[in-house]
Amino acid sequence: MYKKIMVPLDGSKLAECVLFHIETMIKVCESPQVLFVQAVEPITIPYGIEAAKLTSLEQLTEFETRNKSDAEKYLKTIIDRFKKSGVNAKANVIFGKPAEVLSDFAAKNNVDLVVMATHGRSGIGRWVLGSVAEHLIHSISVPVLIIRAPGCEISV
């Protein structure tokens, strides 16, 4: 069955709707390793008129460091919950655009399965906002289990 399951999270309740499914899968799969992953996007430095509003590079670096720290704390609460049940869980904070770095992470870590939530956007909403789930489906060669979060309506 599945030996390594990657679970991308972003700190939202929507993304956490997969946790119940992971708990169920762990019972079926024989002691898989669960890799909880959060991608932290690097701060882009503005240019032109926006650069005039830039207070300092130090503040941007501080903000990025705080985002990483927040992601680490968040993932720690998630893996602690699973470790209490004896699950082999690991937290991973990675940097970059989520769609890109998550597919790289899955490949480098020999992930067998990706389980993630989706908003269920389609049409223009998905085109404008992008879809990490869709990118993963097309960029990795392992199964991706997409869970539509409760309360998300299909939009066209």
N, C-alpha and C. Protein backbone atom coordinates (compact mmCIF):
# COMPACT_ATOMS: atom_id res chain seq x y z
N MET A 1 0.84 -1.18 0.00
CA MET A 1 0.00 0.00 0.00
C MET A 1 0.89 1.24 0.00
N TYR A 2 0.40 2.33 0.52
CA TYR A 2 1.15 3.59 0.52
C TYR A 2 2.11 3.65 1.72
N LYS A 3 3.37 3.95 1.44
CA LYS A 3 4.40 4.02 2.49
C LYS A 3 4.68 5.46 2.92
N LYS A 4 4.54 6.42 1.97
CA LYS A 4 4.79 7.83 2.26
C LYS A 4 3.65 8.66 1.70
N ILE A 5 2.97 9.35 2.58
CA ILE A 5 1.84 10.19 2.19
C ILE A 5 2.19 11.65 2.46
N MET A 6 2.08 12.47 1.43
CA MET A 6 2.32 13.90 1.59
C MET A 6 1.00 14.63 1.76
N VAL A 7 0.93 15.50 2.76
CA VAL A 7 -0.28 16.26 3.04
C VAL A 7 0.07 17.75 3.05
N PRO A 8 -0.17 18.45 1.93
CA PRO A 8 0.09 19.89 1.91
C PRO A 8 -0.97 20.63 2.73
N LEU A 9 -0.52 21.51 3.60
CA LEU A 9 -1.41 22.33 4.41
C LEU A 9 -0.98 23.78 4.27
N ASP A 10 -1.94 24.68 4.49
CA ASP A 10 -1.60 26.10 4.40
C ASP A 10 -2.00 26.88 5.65
N GLY A 11 -2.37 26.15 6.69
CA GLY A 11 -2.76 26.80 7.94
C GLY A 11 -4.24 27.11 8.03
N SER A 12 -5.00 26.79 6.99
CA SER A 12 -6.42 27.11 7.00
C SER A 12 -7.26 25.91 7.45
N LYS A 13 -8.44 26.20 7.94
CA LYS A 13 -9.38 25.13 8.32
C LYS A 13 -9.79 24.35 7.08
N LEU A 14 -9.88 25.03 5.94
CA LEU A 14 -10.23 24.36 4.70
C LEU A 14 -9.22 23.25 4.41
N ALA A 15 -7.95 23.55 4.48
CA ALA A 15 -6.92 22.55 4.19
C ALA A 15 -6.95 21.42 5.20
N GLU A 16 -7.32 21.73 6.43
CA GLU A 16 -7.35 20.73 7.49
C GLU A 16 -8.49 19.72 7.36
N CYS A 17 -9.41 19.94 6.44
CA CYS A 17 -10.51 18.98 6.27
C CYS A 17 -9.98 17.61 5.86
N VAL A 18 -8.74 17.53 5.39
CA VAL A 18 -8.15 16.24 4.99
C VAL A 18 -7.69 15.43 6.19
N LEU A 19 -7.53 16.04 7.35
CA LEU A 19 -6.96 15.33 8.49
C LEU A 19 -7.79 14.12 8.91
N PHE A 20 -9.10 14.25 8.87
CA PHE A 20 -9.97 13.11 9.18
C PHE A 20 -9.70 11.96 8.21
N HIS A 21 -9.55 12.29 6.94
CA HIS A 21 -9.29 11.27 5.92
C HIS A 21 -7.92 10.62 6.13
N ILE A 22 -6.95 11.40 6.55
CA ILE A 22 -5.61 10.86 6.83
C ILE A 22 -5.70 9.89 8.01
N GLU A 23 -6.42 10.26 9.04
CA GLU A 23 -6.58 9.36 10.20
C GLU A 23 -7.18 8.03 9.77
N THR A 24 -8.14 8.07 8.88
CA THR A 24 -8.77 6.84 8.37
C THR A 24 -7.79 6.04 7.52
N MET A 25 -7.05 6.72 6.65
CA MET A 25 -6.09 6.03 5.77
C MET A 25 -5.00 5.35 6.57
N ILE A 26 -4.57 5.94 7.66
CA ILE A 26 -3.51 5.37 8.48
C ILE A 26 -3.94 4.02 9.03
N LYS A 27 -5.21 3.90 9.33
CA LYS A 27 -5.73 2.63 9.84
C LYS A 27 -5.68 1.55 8.77
N VAL A 28 -5.86 1.94 7.52
CA VAL A 28 -5.89 0.98 6.41
C VAL A 28 -4.49 0.66 5.92
N CYS A 29 -3.67 1.70 5.75
CA CYS A 29 -2.29 1.51 5.30
C CYS A 29 -1.46 1.01 6.48
N GLU A 30 -0.48 0.23 6.20
CA GLU A 30 0.35 -0.32 7.26
C GLU A 30 1.44 0.64 7.66
N SER A 31 1.19 1.44 8.68
CA SER A 31 2.15 2.39 9.25
C SER A 31 2.88 3.26 8.23
N PRO A 32 2.14 4.04 7.47
CA PRO A 32 2.82 4.92 6.51
C PRO A 32 3.50 6.08 7.24
N GLN A 33 4.46 6.68 6.58
CA GLN A 33 5.03 7.93 7.07
C GLN A 33 4.19 9.04 6.47
N VAL A 34 3.76 9.98 7.30
CA VAL A 34 2.94 11.09 6.82
C VAL A 34 3.79 12.36 6.88
N LEU A 35 3.96 12.97 5.72
CA LEU A 35 4.76 14.19 5.61
C LEU A 35 3.82 15.39 5.47
N PHE A 36 3.65 16.13 6.54
CA PHE A 36 2.84 17.33 6.50
C PHE A 36 3.75 18.45 6.00
N VAL A 37 3.30 19.15 4.95
CA VAL A 37 4.15 20.13 4.29
C VAL A 37 3.41 21.46 4.17
N GLN A 38 4.12 22.53 4.48
CA GLN A 38 3.57 23.86 4.23
C GLN A 38 4.59 24.65 3.42
N ALA A 39 4.13 25.19 2.31
CA ALA A 39 4.99 26.03 1.46
C ALA A 39 4.83 27.47 1.90
N VAL A 40 5.96 28.11 2.14
CA VAL A 40 5.98 29.53 2.50
C VAL A 40 6.54 30.28 1.30
N GLU A 41 5.73 31.17 0.76
CA GLU A 41 6.18 31.93 -0.41
C GLU A 41 7.17 33.00 0.02
N PRO A 42 8.27 33.09 -0.72
CA PRO A 42 9.22 34.15 -0.41
C PRO A 42 8.61 35.52 -0.74
N ILE A 43 9.06 36.51 -0.02
CA ILE A 43 8.60 37.87 -0.25
C ILE A 43 9.26 38.38 -1.53
N THR A 44 8.46 38.95 -2.40
CA THR A 44 9.04 39.55 -3.61
C THR A 44 9.27 41.03 -3.36
N ILE A 45 10.41 41.48 -3.76
CA ILE A 45 10.75 42.88 -3.54
C ILE A 45 10.13 43.72 -4.66
N PRO A 46 9.33 44.70 -4.28
CA PRO A 46 8.67 45.53 -5.29
C PRO A 46 9.67 46.43 -6.02
N TYR A 47 9.25 46.92 -7.14
CA TYR A 47 10.09 47.84 -7.91
C TYR A 47 9.22 48.98 -8.42
N GLY A 48 9.85 49.99 -8.98
CA GLY A 48 9.09 51.14 -9.49
C GLY A 48 8.47 51.94 -8.38
N ILE A 49 7.23 52.34 -8.58
CA ILE A 49 6.51 53.15 -7.59
C ILE A 49 6.39 52.41 -6.27
N GLU A 50 6.17 51.09 -6.34
CA GLU A 50 6.02 50.29 -5.11
C GLU A 50 7.29 50.30 -4.27
N ALA A 51 8.45 50.39 -4.92
CA ALA A 51 9.72 50.38 -4.19
C ALA A 51 9.82 51.59 -3.27
N ALA A 52 9.20 52.70 -3.63
CA ALA A 52 9.24 53.91 -2.80
C ALA A 52 8.55 53.67 -1.46
N LYS A 53 7.59 52.72 -1.43
CA LYS A 53 6.87 52.42 -0.19
C LYS A 53 7.63 51.44 0.69
N LEU A 54 8.67 50.83 0.14
CA LEU A 54 9.46 49.85 0.86
C LEU A 54 10.18 50.51 2.02
N THR A 55 9.94 50.02 3.21
CA THR A 55 10.57 50.63 4.38
C THR A 55 12.00 50.13 4.57
N SER A 56 12.20 48.80 4.52
CA SER A 56 13.56 48.29 4.62
C SER A 56 13.59 46.82 4.26
N LEU A 57 14.73 46.42 3.73
CA LEU A 57 14.93 45.01 3.41
C LEU A 57 14.92 44.18 4.68
N GLU A 58 15.38 44.78 5.77
CA GLU A 58 15.38 44.12 7.08
C GLU A 58 13.97 43.72 7.50
N GLN A 59 13.01 44.63 7.29
CA GLN A 59 11.63 44.35 7.65
C GLN A 59 11.06 43.21 6.81
N LEU A 60 11.41 43.18 5.53
CA LEU A 60 10.95 42.08 4.67
C LEU A 60 11.52 40.75 5.14
N THR A 61 12.80 40.74 5.47
CA THR A 61 13.44 39.52 5.96
C THR A 61 12.81 39.08 7.27
N GLU A 62 12.53 40.03 8.14
CA GLU A 62 11.89 39.74 9.42
C GLU A 62 10.50 39.13 9.20
N PHE A 63 9.77 39.69 8.25
CA PHE A 63 8.43 39.18 7.93
C PHE A 63 8.52 37.74 7.41
N GLU A 64 9.48 37.48 6.53
CA GLU A 64 9.67 36.14 5.97
C GLU A 64 10.05 35.15 7.08
N THR A 65 10.91 35.56 7.98
CA THR A 65 11.32 34.71 9.10
C THR A 65 10.13 34.40 10.00
N ARG A 66 9.29 35.40 10.24
CA ARG A 66 8.08 35.20 11.06
C ARG A 66 7.13 34.22 10.37
N ASN A 67 6.98 34.33 9.04
CA ASN A 67 6.12 33.39 8.31
C ASN A 67 6.63 31.96 8.45
N LYS A 68 7.95 31.78 8.36
CA LYS A 68 8.53 30.44 8.51
C LYS A 68 8.29 29.92 9.92
N SER A 69 8.51 30.75 10.91
CA SER A 69 8.31 30.36 12.30
C SER A 69 6.85 29.99 12.56
N ASP A 70 5.92 30.79 12.03
CA ASP A 70 4.49 30.49 12.18
C ASP A 70 4.14 29.16 11.54
N ALA A 71 4.70 28.88 10.37
CA ALA A 71 4.44 27.62 9.68
C ALA A 71 4.98 26.45 10.50
N GLU A 72 6.16 26.61 11.08
CA GLU A 72 6.75 25.53 11.89
C GLU A 72 5.90 25.25 13.12
N LYS A 73 5.44 26.31 13.79
CA LYS A 73 4.58 26.14 14.98
C LYS A 73 3.27 25.46 14.60
N TYR A 74 2.68 25.91 13.51
CA TYR A 74 1.42 25.33 13.05
C TYR A 74 1.58 23.83 12.76
N LEU A 75 2.60 23.48 11.99
CA LEU A 75 2.80 22.07 11.65
C LEU A 75 3.13 21.23 12.88
N LYS A 76 3.81 21.82 13.85
CA LYS A 76 4.11 21.09 15.08
C LYS A 76 2.83 20.67 15.79
N THR A 77 1.84 21.56 15.82
CA THR A 77 0.57 21.19 16.46
C THR A 77 -0.11 20.05 15.71
N ILE A 78 0.03 20.04 14.40
CA ILE A 78 -0.59 18.98 13.60
C ILE A 78 0.12 17.65 13.84
N ILE A 79 1.45 17.64 13.77
CA ILE A 79 2.15 16.36 13.93
C ILE A 79 2.06 15.86 15.37
N ASP A 80 2.02 16.75 16.34
CA ASP A 80 1.85 16.31 17.73
C ASP A 80 0.55 15.54 17.88
N ARG A 81 -0.49 16.01 17.24
CA ARG A 81 -1.79 15.34 17.28
C ARG A 81 -1.67 13.91 16.74
N PHE A 82 -0.93 13.74 15.65
CA PHE A 82 -0.80 12.43 15.04
C PHE A 82 0.20 11.55 15.79
N LYS A 83 1.26 12.13 16.31
CA LYS A 83 2.26 11.34 17.04
C LYS A 83 1.68 10.75 18.31
N LYS A 84 0.71 11.43 18.92
CA LYS A 84 0.06 10.90 20.12
C LYS A 84 -0.60 9.55 19.83
N SER A 85 -0.99 9.35 18.57
CA SER A 85 -1.62 8.09 18.16
C SER A 85 -0.59 7.10 17.61
N GLY A 86 0.70 7.44 17.74
CA GLY A 86 1.74 6.54 17.27
C GLY A 86 2.04 6.61 15.79
N VAL A 87 1.59 7.67 15.12
CA VAL A 87 1.81 7.83 13.69
C VAL A 87 3.21 8.38 13.44
N ASN A 88 3.86 7.87 12.41
CA ASN A 88 5.17 8.37 11.99
C ASN A 88 4.91 9.62 11.15
N ALA A 89 4.91 10.79 11.80
CA ALA A 89 4.58 12.05 11.13
C ALA A 89 5.77 13.00 11.18
N LYS A 90 5.97 13.74 10.10
CA LYS A 90 7.04 14.73 10.02
C LYS A 90 6.48 16.04 9.50
N ALA A 91 7.04 17.13 10.01
CA ALA A 91 6.66 18.47 9.54
C ALA A 91 7.76 18.99 8.62
N ASN A 92 7.35 19.60 7.52
CA ASN A 92 8.29 20.13 6.55
C ASN A 92 7.83 21.50 6.08
N VAL A 93 8.64 22.51 6.33
CA VAL A 93 8.36 23.85 5.81
C VAL A 93 9.30 24.04 4.63
N ILE A 94 8.72 24.37 3.48
CA ILE A 94 9.52 24.57 2.27
C ILE A 94 9.24 25.98 1.73
N PHE A 95 10.16 26.49 0.94
CA PHE A 95 10.04 27.86 0.43
C PHE A 95 9.84 27.88 -1.07
N GLY A 96 8.93 28.74 -1.52
CA GLY A 96 8.69 28.94 -2.93
C GLY A 96 7.22 28.97 -3.24
N LYS A 97 6.91 29.07 -4.53
CA LYS A 97 5.52 29.05 -4.99
C LYS A 97 4.98 27.64 -4.73
N PRO A 98 3.88 27.52 -3.98
CA PRO A 98 3.39 26.21 -3.57
C PRO A 98 3.27 25.18 -4.70
N ALA A 99 2.68 25.55 -5.80
CA ALA A 99 2.48 24.57 -6.87
C ALA A 99 3.80 23.96 -7.33
N GLU A 100 4.83 24.77 -7.40
CA GLU A 100 6.13 24.30 -7.88
C GLU A 100 6.90 23.51 -6.83
N VAL A 101 7.02 24.07 -5.63
CA VAL A 101 7.86 23.42 -4.63
C VAL A 101 7.22 22.16 -4.06
N LEU A 102 5.89 22.09 -4.05
CA LEU A 102 5.24 20.87 -3.57
C LEU A 102 5.50 19.69 -4.51
N SER A 103 5.47 19.93 -5.82
CA SER A 103 5.74 18.83 -6.75
C SER A 103 7.20 18.41 -6.65
N ASP A 104 8.12 19.35 -6.48
CA ASP A 104 9.53 19.01 -6.28
C ASP A 104 9.73 18.20 -5.00
N PHE A 105 9.07 18.64 -3.93
CA PHE A 105 9.19 17.95 -2.65
C PHE A 105 8.69 16.51 -2.77
N ALA A 106 7.56 16.32 -3.43
CA ALA A 106 7.00 14.97 -3.60
C ALA A 106 7.99 14.06 -4.33
N ALA A 107 8.59 14.58 -5.38
CA ALA A 107 9.54 13.78 -6.17
C ALA A 107 10.80 13.46 -5.36
N LYS A 108 11.36 14.45 -4.69
CA LYS A 108 12.61 14.25 -3.94
C LYS A 108 12.43 13.34 -2.73
N ASN A 109 11.21 13.25 -2.21
CA ASN A 109 10.97 12.45 -1.01
C ASN A 109 10.26 11.13 -1.30
N ASN A 110 10.19 10.74 -2.57
CA ASN A 110 9.59 9.46 -2.96
C ASN A 110 8.20 9.25 -2.36
N VAL A 111 7.39 10.27 -2.47
CA VAL A 111 6.02 10.21 -1.96
C VAL A 111 5.19 9.25 -2.83
N ASP A 112 4.37 8.43 -2.18
CA ASP A 112 3.50 7.48 -2.89
C ASP A 112 2.12 8.05 -3.19
N LEU A 113 1.69 9.00 -2.35
CA LEU A 113 0.33 9.54 -2.44
C LEU A 113 0.33 10.95 -1.89
N VAL A 114 -0.44 11.82 -2.54
CA VAL A 114 -0.66 13.19 -2.04
C VAL A 114 -2.14 13.30 -1.69
N VAL A 115 -2.42 13.81 -0.50
CA VAL A 115 -3.80 14.02 -0.08
C VAL A 115 -3.94 15.49 0.27
N MET A 116 -4.86 16.17 -0.43
CA MET A 116 -5.01 17.60 -0.18
C MET A 116 -6.44 18.07 -0.40
N ALA A 117 -6.73 19.22 0.18
CA ALA A 117 -8.05 19.82 0.04
C ALA A 117 -8.07 20.77 -1.15
N THR A 118 -9.28 21.04 -1.62
CA THR A 118 -9.44 22.01 -2.70
C THR A 118 -10.68 22.85 -2.42
N HIS A 119 -10.68 24.05 -2.97
CA HIS A 119 -11.84 24.94 -2.87
C HIS A 119 -12.94 24.51 -3.83
N GLY A 120 -12.58 23.73 -4.84
CA GLY A 120 -13.56 23.32 -5.84
C GLY A 120 -13.84 24.38 -6.88
N ARG A 121 -12.90 25.30 -7.06
CA ARG A 121 -13.11 26.34 -8.08
C ARG A 121 -12.97 25.74 -9.47
N SER A 122 -13.67 26.32 -10.38
CA SER A 122 -13.52 25.91 -11.78
C SER A 122 -13.62 27.16 -12.65
N GLY A 123 -13.43 26.98 -13.92
CA GLY A 123 -13.59 28.09 -14.86
C GLY A 123 -12.68 29.26 -14.57
N ILE A 124 -13.23 30.46 -14.63
CA ILE A 124 -12.45 31.68 -14.47
C ILE A 124 -11.85 31.79 -13.08
N GLY A 125 -12.57 31.33 -12.05
CA GLY A 125 -12.04 31.39 -10.68
C GLY A 125 -10.74 30.64 -10.56
N ARG A 126 -10.67 29.45 -11.15
CA ARG A 126 -9.44 28.66 -11.08
C ARG A 126 -8.35 29.30 -11.93
N TRP A 127 -8.73 29.83 -13.08
CA TRP A 127 -7.76 30.43 -13.99
C TRP A 127 -7.12 31.67 -13.36
N VAL A 128 -7.94 32.49 -12.73
CA VAL A 128 -7.44 33.72 -12.12
C VAL A 128 -6.64 33.41 -10.86
N LEU A 129 -7.16 32.55 -10.01
CA LEU A 129 -6.52 32.29 -8.73
C LEU A 129 -5.50 31.17 -8.80
N GLY A 130 -5.51 30.39 -9.86
CA GLY A 130 -4.59 29.26 -9.97
C GLY A 130 -5.08 28.09 -9.15
N SER A 131 -4.50 26.96 -9.36
CA SER A 131 -4.90 25.79 -8.60
C SER A 131 -3.67 24.94 -8.31
N VAL A 132 -3.28 24.93 -7.05
CA VAL A 132 -2.16 24.10 -6.63
C VAL A 132 -2.50 22.64 -6.88
N ALA A 133 -3.73 22.25 -6.57
CA ALA A 133 -4.15 20.86 -6.78
C ALA A 133 -4.02 20.47 -8.24
N GLU A 134 -4.50 21.31 -9.12
CA GLU A 134 -4.43 20.98 -10.55
C GLU A 134 -2.98 20.88 -11.02
N HIS A 135 -2.14 21.77 -10.56
CA HIS A 135 -0.72 21.71 -10.93
C HIS A 135 -0.10 20.39 -10.47
N LEU A 136 -0.40 20.00 -9.24
CA LEU A 136 0.17 18.74 -8.73
C LEU A 136 -0.31 17.54 -9.54
N ILE A 137 -1.58 17.52 -9.88
CA ILE A 137 -2.12 16.41 -10.66
C ILE A 137 -1.36 16.24 -11.96
N HIS A 138 -1.00 17.36 -12.58
CA HIS A 138 -0.34 17.32 -13.89
C HIS A 138 1.18 17.24 -13.81
N SER A 139 1.76 17.45 -12.63
CA SER A 139 3.22 17.52 -12.57
C SER A 139 3.89 16.38 -11.82
N ILE A 140 3.11 15.53 -11.15
CA ILE A 140 3.73 14.41 -10.45
C ILE A 140 3.15 13.10 -10.96
N SER A 141 3.87 12.03 -10.71
CA SER A 141 3.45 10.74 -11.28
C SER A 141 2.88 9.79 -10.23
N VAL A 142 2.45 10.34 -9.10
CA VAL A 142 1.81 9.51 -8.07
C VAL A 142 0.36 9.96 -7.92
N PRO A 143 -0.47 9.12 -7.33
CA PRO A 143 -1.87 9.50 -7.15
C PRO A 143 -2.01 10.74 -6.25
N VAL A 144 -3.00 11.56 -6.60
CA VAL A 144 -3.34 12.74 -5.80
C VAL A 144 -4.81 12.60 -5.42
N LEU A 145 -5.06 12.47 -4.13
CA LEU A 145 -6.43 12.38 -3.63
C LEU A 145 -6.87 13.78 -3.25
N ILE A 146 -7.87 14.28 -3.96
CA ILE A 146 -8.37 15.63 -3.74
C ILE A 146 -9.66 15.54 -2.92
N ILE A 147 -9.68 16.25 -1.81
CA ILE A 147 -10.86 16.29 -0.95
C ILE A 147 -11.47 17.68 -1.07
N ARG A 148 -12.71 17.74 -1.53
CA ARG A 148 -13.38 19.04 -1.58
C ARG A 148 -13.83 19.38 -0.17
N ALA A 149 -13.42 20.53 0.29
CA ALA A 149 -13.74 20.95 1.64
C ALA A 149 -15.25 21.13 1.81
N PRO A 150 -15.78 20.73 2.96
CA PRO A 150 -17.21 20.93 3.21
C PRO A 150 -17.58 22.41 3.09
N GLY A 151 -18.70 22.66 2.48
CA GLY A 151 -19.18 24.04 2.34
C GLY A 151 -18.68 24.74 1.10
N CYS A 152 -17.74 24.14 0.39
CA CYS A 152 -17.27 24.77 -0.84
C CYS A 152 -18.22 24.43 -1.96
N GLU A 153 -18.67 25.46 -2.61
CA GLU A 153 -19.60 25.25 -3.72
C GLU A 153 -18.84 25.21 -5.03
N ILE A 154 -19.38 24.46 -5.96
CA ILE A 154 -18.79 24.43 -7.29
C ILE A 154 -19.16 25.73 -7.98
N SER A 155 -18.14 26.44 -8.45
CA SER A 155 -18.40 27.68 -9.17
C SER A 155 -17.91 27.52 -10.59
N VAL A 156 -18.63 28.09 -11.50
CA VAL A 156 -18.27 27.96 -12.92
C VAL A 156 -17.84 29.29 -13.47
